[in-house]
């Protein structure tokens, strides 16, 4: 799967909205969709079931809070929701790190890098809407070039049909 294939699946009801032009929204929505597959894999192991819930909620909040902020009238209100999205992006990154033992290094690395890209974008956006700089220590966010992250997107080694997970080793009902 890659970002271009995913874009083709996003319905016009979403892509025709002006918020679609906001890169951080698109990337947040994409990461939220990826988190769906990752969370399903995490639910298969009892110790990571609650982690999967936290991961899915945090990742879904990135695009949801971006929508909220985009829809606010004042710059300060917009900035407040973009700050919530920033917190969700950082939380998502944290949960992905904790999930690394189940998701494996390839998926974890990809999701951490995509989260870092979203964080970097939000850190650039927020001061523009707030009218002042962010009151936290400056940090250098080294990120992988975005196009690299959007080409070959790793997914868990489970296939999901009708919301029921099965390993790739199991027989398909059509076999």
C-alpha atoms as a PDB file:
ATOM      1  CA  UNK A   1       0.000   0.000   0.000  1.00  0.00           C
ATOM      2  CA  UNK A   2       1.100   3.563  -0.569  1.00  0.00           C
ATOM      3  CA  UNK A   3      -0.242   7.049  -0.017  1.00  0.00           C
ATOM      4  CA  UNK A   4      -1.387   7.500  -3.627  1.00  0.00           C
ATOM      5  CA  UNK A   5      -3.489   4.321  -3.444  1.00  0.00           C
ATOM      6  CA  UNK A   6      -4.953   5.495  -0.156  1.00  0.00           C
ATOM      7  CA  UNK A   7      -5.767   8.932  -1.616  1.00  0.00           C
ATOM      8  CA  UNK A   8      -7.795   7.235  -4.356  1.00  0.00           C
ATOM      9  CA  UNK A   9      -9.986   5.610  -1.668  1.00  0.00           C
ATOM     10  CA  UNK A  10     -10.837   8.842   0.170  1.00  0.00           C
ATOM     11  CA  UNK A  11     -14.395   9.872  -0.788  1.00  0.00           C
ATOM     12  CA  UNK A  12     -15.240  13.210  -2.393  1.00  0.00           C
ATOM     13  CA  UNK A  13     -17.248  14.168   0.700  1.00  0.00           C
ATOM     14  CA  UNK A  14     -13.886  14.540   2.413  1.00  0.00           C
ATOM     15  CA  UNK A  15     -11.612  15.620  -0.446  1.00  0.00           C
ATOM     16  CA  UNK A  16     -13.999  18.363  -1.621  1.00  0.00           C
ATOM     17  CA  UNK A  17     -13.870  20.083   1.773  1.00  0.00           C
ATOM     18  CA  UNK A  18     -11.423  23.006   1.972  1.00  0.00           C
ATOM     19  CA  UNK A  19      -9.609  21.365   4.914  1.00  0.00           C
ATOM     20  CA  UNK A  20      -8.355  18.710   2.486  1.00  0.00           C
ATOM     21  CA  UNK A  21      -5.817  21.278   1.249  1.00  0.00           C
ATOM     22  CA  UNK A  22      -4.168  21.178   4.692  1.00  0.00           C
ATOM     23  CA  UNK A  23      -1.308  18.671   4.562  1.00  0.00           C
ATOM     24  CA  UNK A  24      -1.308  17.994   8.299  1.00  0.00           C
ATOM     25  CA  UNK A  25      -4.988  16.986   8.060  1.00  0.00           C
ATOM     26  CA  UNK A  26      -4.346  14.590   5.169  1.00  0.00           C
ATOM     27  CA  UNK A  27      -1.343  13.028   6.911  1.00  0.00           C
ATOM     28  CA  UNK A  28      -3.233  12.747  10.202  1.00  0.00           C
ATOM     29  CA  UNK A  29      -6.156  11.038   8.474  1.00  0.00           C
ATOM     30  CA  UNK A  30      -3.741   8.689   6.695  1.00  0.00           C
ATOM     31  CA  UNK A  31      -1.961   7.813   9.951  1.00  0.00           C
ATOM     32  CA  UNK A  32      -5.341   7.230  11.612  1.00  0.00           C
ATOM     33  CA  UNK A  33      -6.235   4.771   8.861  1.00  0.00           C
ATOM     34  CA  UNK A  34      -2.908   2.971   9.238  1.00  0.00           C
ATOM     35  CA  UNK A  35      -3.482   2.828  12.992  1.00  0.00           C
ATOM     36  CA  UNK A  36      -6.699   0.884  12.341  1.00  0.00           C
ATOM     37  CA  UNK A  37      -4.690  -2.031  10.915  1.00  0.00           C
ATOM     38  CA  UNK A  38      -2.018  -1.725  13.571  1.00  0.00           C
ATOM     39  CA  UNK A  39      -4.594  -1.628  16.381  1.00  0.00           C
ATOM     40  CA  UNK A  40      -6.274  -4.757  15.030  1.00  0.00           C
ATOM     41  CA  UNK A  41      -2.966  -6.606  15.212  1.00  0.00           C
ATOM     42  CA  UNK A  42      -2.384  -5.325  18.741  1.00  0.00           C
ATOM     43  CA  UNK A  43      -5.801  -6.587  19.897  1.00  0.00           C
ATOM     44  CA  UNK A  44      -4.720 -10.159  19.116  1.00  0.00           C
ATOM     45  CA  UNK A  45      -2.300 -10.161  22.064  1.00  0.00           C
ATOM     46  CA  UNK A  46      -3.931  -9.731  25.506  1.00  0.00           C
ATOM     47  CA  UNK A  47      -1.138  -7.543  26.962  1.00  0.00           C
ATOM     48  CA  UNK A  48      -1.518  -4.977  24.155  1.00  0.00           C
ATOM     49  CA  UNK A  49      -5.306  -4.688  23.897  1.00  0.00           C
ATOM     50  CA  UNK A  50      -5.542  -1.499  25.947  1.00  0.00           C
ATOM     51  CA  UNK A  51      -2.486  -0.134  24.136  1.00  0.00           C
ATOM     52  CA  UNK A  52      -4.310  -0.679  20.833  1.00  0.00           C
ATOM     53  CA  UNK A  53      -7.261   1.373  22.085  1.00  0.00           C
ATOM     54  CA  UNK A  54      -4.996   4.218  23.216  1.00  0.00           C
ATOM     55  CA  UNK A  55      -3.085   4.161  19.932  1.00  0.00           C
ATOM     56  CA  UNK A  56      -6.236   4.240  17.827  1.00  0.00           C
ATOM     57  CA  UNK A  57      -7.790   7.054  19.881  1.00  0.00           C
ATOM     58  CA  UNK A  58      -4.637   9.190  19.840  1.00  0.00           C
ATOM     59  CA  UNK A  59      -4.058   8.760  16.113  1.00  0.00           C
ATOM     60  CA  UNK A  60      -7.701   9.500  15.296  1.00  0.00           C
ATOM     61  CA  UNK A  61      -7.552  12.665  17.367  1.00  0.00           C
ATOM     62  CA  UNK A  62      -4.873  14.206  15.148  1.00  0.00           C
ATOM     63  CA  UNK A  63      -7.155  14.752  12.154  1.00  0.00           C
ATOM     64  CA  UNK A  64     -10.250  15.309  14.329  1.00  0.00           C
ATOM     65  CA  UNK A  65      -8.600  18.160  16.253  1.00  0.00           C
ATOM     66  CA  UNK A  66      -7.198  19.583  13.034  1.00  0.00           C
ATOM     67  CA  UNK A  67     -10.795  19.709  11.721  1.00  0.00           C
ATOM     68  CA  UNK A  68     -11.973  21.413  14.896  1.00  0.00           C
ATOM     69  CA  UNK A  69      -9.232  24.007  14.708  1.00  0.00           C
ATOM     70  CA  UNK A  70      -9.734  24.655  11.021  1.00  0.00           C
ATOM     71  CA  UNK A  71     -13.401  25.393  11.671  1.00  0.00           C
ATOM     72  CA  UNK A  72     -12.791  28.012  14.387  1.00  0.00           C
ATOM     73  CA  UNK A  73     -13.176  31.714  13.671  1.00  0.00           C
ATOM     74  CA  UNK A  74     -10.287  33.164  15.652  1.00  0.00           C
ATOM     75  CA  UNK A  75      -6.617  32.369  15.231  1.00  0.00           C
ATOM     76  CA  UNK A  76      -6.238  31.712  18.956  1.00  0.00           C
ATOM     77  CA  UNK A  77      -9.096  29.180  18.885  1.00  0.00           C
ATOM     78  CA  UNK A  78      -7.574  27.532  15.831  1.00  0.00           C
ATOM     79  CA  UNK A  79      -4.175  27.374  17.530  1.00  0.00           C
ATOM     80  CA  UNK A  80      -5.694  25.766  20.626  1.00  0.00           C
ATOM     81  CA  UNK A  81      -7.091  22.842  18.621  1.00  0.00           C
ATOM     82  CA  UNK A  82      -3.889  22.536  16.602  1.00  0.00           C
ATOM     83  CA  UNK A  83      -2.112  22.255  19.961  1.00  0.00           C
ATOM     84  CA  UNK A  84      -4.502  19.431  20.884  1.00  0.00           C
ATOM     85  CA  UNK A  85      -3.616  17.777  17.563  1.00  0.00           C
ATOM     86  CA  UNK A  86       0.071  18.225  18.453  1.00  0.00           C
ATOM     87  CA  UNK A  87      -0.499  16.479  21.783  1.00  0.00           C
ATOM     88  CA  UNK A  88      -2.308  13.660  19.987  1.00  0.00           C
ATOM     89  CA  UNK A  89       0.523  13.323  17.464  1.00  0.00           C
ATOM     90  CA  UNK A  90       3.063  13.094  20.267  1.00  0.00           C
ATOM     91  CA  UNK A  91       0.833  10.609  22.096  1.00  0.00           C
ATOM     92  CA  UNK A  92       0.527   8.543  18.920  1.00  0.00           C
ATOM     93  CA  UNK A  93       4.290   8.503  18.550  1.00  0.00           C
ATOM     94  CA  UNK A  94       4.592   7.362  22.186  1.00  0.00           C
ATOM     95  CA  UNK A  95       2.060   4.539  21.739  1.00  0.00           C
ATOM     96  CA  UNK A  96       3.763   3.359  18.553  1.00  0.00           C
ATOM     97  CA  UNK A  97       7.059   3.156  20.394  1.00  0.00           C
ATOM     98  CA  UNK A  98       5.398   1.055  23.095  1.00  0.00           C
ATOM     99  CA  UNK A  99       3.817  -1.192  20.437  1.00  0.00           C
ATOM    100  CA  UNK A 100       7.164  -1.920  18.755  1.00  0.00           C
ATOM    101  CA  UNK A 101       7.428  -5.363  20.364  1.00  0.00           C
ATOM    102  CA  UNK A 102       4.329  -6.547  18.505  1.00  0.00           C
ATOM    103  CA  UNK A 103       4.386  -4.399  15.362  1.00  0.00           C
ATOM    104  CA  UNK A 104       8.060  -4.983  14.605  1.00  0.00           C
ATOM    105  CA  UNK A 105      10.825  -2.620  13.519  1.00  0.00           C
ATOM    106  CA  UNK A 106       9.689  -1.800   9.958  1.00  0.00           C
ATOM    107  CA  UNK A 107       6.162  -0.704  10.874  1.00  0.00           C
ATOM    108  CA  UNK A 108       7.310   1.030  14.063  1.00  0.00           C
ATOM    109  CA  UNK A 109      10.012   2.979  12.254  1.00  0.00           C
ATOM    110  CA  UNK A 110       7.600   4.080   9.534  1.00  0.00           C
ATOM    111  CA  UNK A 111       4.906   5.204  11.995  1.00  0.00           C
ATOM    112  CA  UNK A 112       7.412   7.048  14.213  1.00  0.00           C
ATOM    113  CA  UNK A 113       8.761   8.911  11.183  1.00  0.00           C
ATOM    114  CA  UNK A 114       5.280   9.780   9.915  1.00  0.00           C
ATOM    115  CA  UNK A 115       4.319  10.986  13.410  1.00  0.00           C
ATOM    116  CA  UNK A 116       7.471  13.132  13.522  1.00  0.00           C
ATOM    117  CA  UNK A 117       6.536  14.689  10.172  1.00  0.00           C
ATOM    118  CA  UNK A 118       3.069  15.575  11.486  1.00  0.00           C
ATOM    119  CA  UNK A 119       4.569  17.003  14.698  1.00  0.00           C
ATOM    120  CA  UNK A 120       6.988  19.111  12.681  1.00  0.00           C
ATOM    121  CA  UNK A 121       4.175  20.464  10.492  1.00  0.00           C
ATOM    122  CA  UNK A 122       2.046  21.334  13.523  1.00  0.00           C
ATOM    123  CA  UNK A 123       4.963  23.064  15.244  1.00  0.00           C
ATOM    124  CA  UNK A 124       5.247  25.285  12.174  1.00  0.00           C
ATOM    125  CA  UNK A 125       1.496  25.963  11.976  1.00  0.00           C
ATOM    126  CA  UNK A 126       0.668  26.804  15.570  1.00  0.00           C
ATOM    127  CA  UNK A 127       2.674  30.037  15.950  1.00  0.00           C
ATOM    128  CA  UNK A 128       1.109  31.412  12.748  1.00  0.00           C
ATOM    129  CA  UNK A 129      -2.370  31.051  14.234  1.00  0.00           C
ATOM    130  CA  UNK A 130      -1.500  31.977  17.780  1.00  0.00           C
ATOM    131  CA  UNK A 131       0.447  35.051  16.783  1.00  0.00           C
ATOM    132  CA  UNK A 132       3.376  34.138  19.008  1.00  0.00           C
ATOM    133  CA  UNK A 133       5.905  31.370  19.368  1.00  0.00           C
ATOM    134  CA  UNK A 134       5.358  28.115  21.206  1.00  0.00           C
ATOM    135  CA  UNK A 135       6.518  28.255  24.818  1.00  0.00           C
ATOM    136  CA  UNK A 136       8.603  25.155  24.935  1.00  0.00           C
ATOM    137  CA  UNK A 137      12.198  24.258  24.357  1.00  0.00           C
ATOM    138  CA  UNK A 138      13.144  24.218  20.730  1.00  0.00           C
ATOM    139  CA  UNK A 139      13.790  20.720  19.397  1.00  0.00           C
ATOM    140  CA  UNK A 140      15.236  19.628  16.103  1.00  0.00           C
ATOM    141  CA  UNK A 141      12.856  17.229  14.361  1.00  0.00           C
ATOM    142  CA  UNK A 142      14.901  15.332  11.828  1.00  0.00           C
ATOM    143  CA  UNK A 143      12.424  13.705   9.519  1.00  0.00           C
ATOM    144  CA  UNK A 144      12.568  11.317   6.609  1.00  0.00           C
ATOM    145  CA  UNK A 145      11.562  12.976   3.332  1.00  0.00           C
ATOM    146  CA  UNK A 146       7.777  12.797   3.185  1.00  0.00           C
ATOM    147  CA  UNK A 147       7.638  11.227  -0.285  1.00  0.00           C
ATOM    148  CA  UNK A 148       9.737   8.331   1.014  1.00  0.00           C
ATOM    149  CA  UNK A 149       7.260   7.710   3.852  1.00  0.00           C
ATOM    150  CA  UNK A 150       4.288   7.733   1.505  1.00  0.00           C
ATOM    151  CA  UNK A 151       5.515   5.248  -1.130  1.00  0.00           C
ATOM    152  CA  UNK A 152       5.887   1.812   0.466  1.00  0.00           C
ATOM    153  CA  UNK A 153       3.837   1.812   3.623  1.00  0.00           C
ATOM    154  CA  UNK A 154       4.293  -1.329   5.725  1.00  0.00           C
ATOM    155  CA  UNK A 155       1.214  -3.007   7.197  1.00  0.00           C
ATOM    156  CA  UNK A 156       0.974  -5.749   9.823  1.00  0.00           C
ATOM    157  CA  UNK A 157       1.318  -9.296   8.499  1.00  0.00           C
ATOM    158  CA  UNK A 158      -2.354 -10.018   9.016  1.00  0.00           C
ATOM    159  CA  UNK A 159      -5.097  -9.841   6.444  1.00  0.00           C
ATOM    160  CA  UNK A 160      -8.389  -8.409   7.561  1.00  0.00           C
ATOM    161  CA  UNK A 161     -11.576  -9.496   5.891  1.00  0.00           C
ATOM    162  CA  UNK A 162     -14.947  -8.477   7.236  1.00  0.00           C
ATOM    163  CA  UNK A 163     -13.193  -7.120  10.329  1.00  0.00           C
ATOM    164  CA  UNK A 164     -11.991 -10.612  11.257  1.00  0.00           C
ATOM    165  CA  UNK A 165      -8.216 -10.985  11.413  1.00  0.00           C
ATOM    166  CA  UNK A 166      -6.488 -14.045  10.060  1.00  0.00           C
ATOM    167  CA  UNK A 167      -2.827 -14.741   9.594  1.00  0.00           C
ATOM    168  CA  UNK A 168      -1.492 -14.950   6.074  1.00  0.00           C
ATOM    169  CA  UNK A 169      -0.745 -18.647   6.701  1.00  0.00           C
ATOM    170  CA  UNK A 170      -4.398 -19.573   7.202  1.00  0.00           C
ATOM    171  CA  UNK A 171      -6.472 -20.804   4.316  1.00  0.00           C
ATOM    172  CA  UNK A 172      -8.694 -18.269   2.670  1.00  0.00           C
ATOM    173  CA  UNK A 173     -12.414 -19.181   2.581  1.00  0.00           C
ATOM    174  CA  UNK A 174     -12.137 -19.020  -1.219  1.00  0.00           C
ATOM    175  CA  UNK A 175      -9.232 -21.534  -1.416  1.00  0.00           C
END
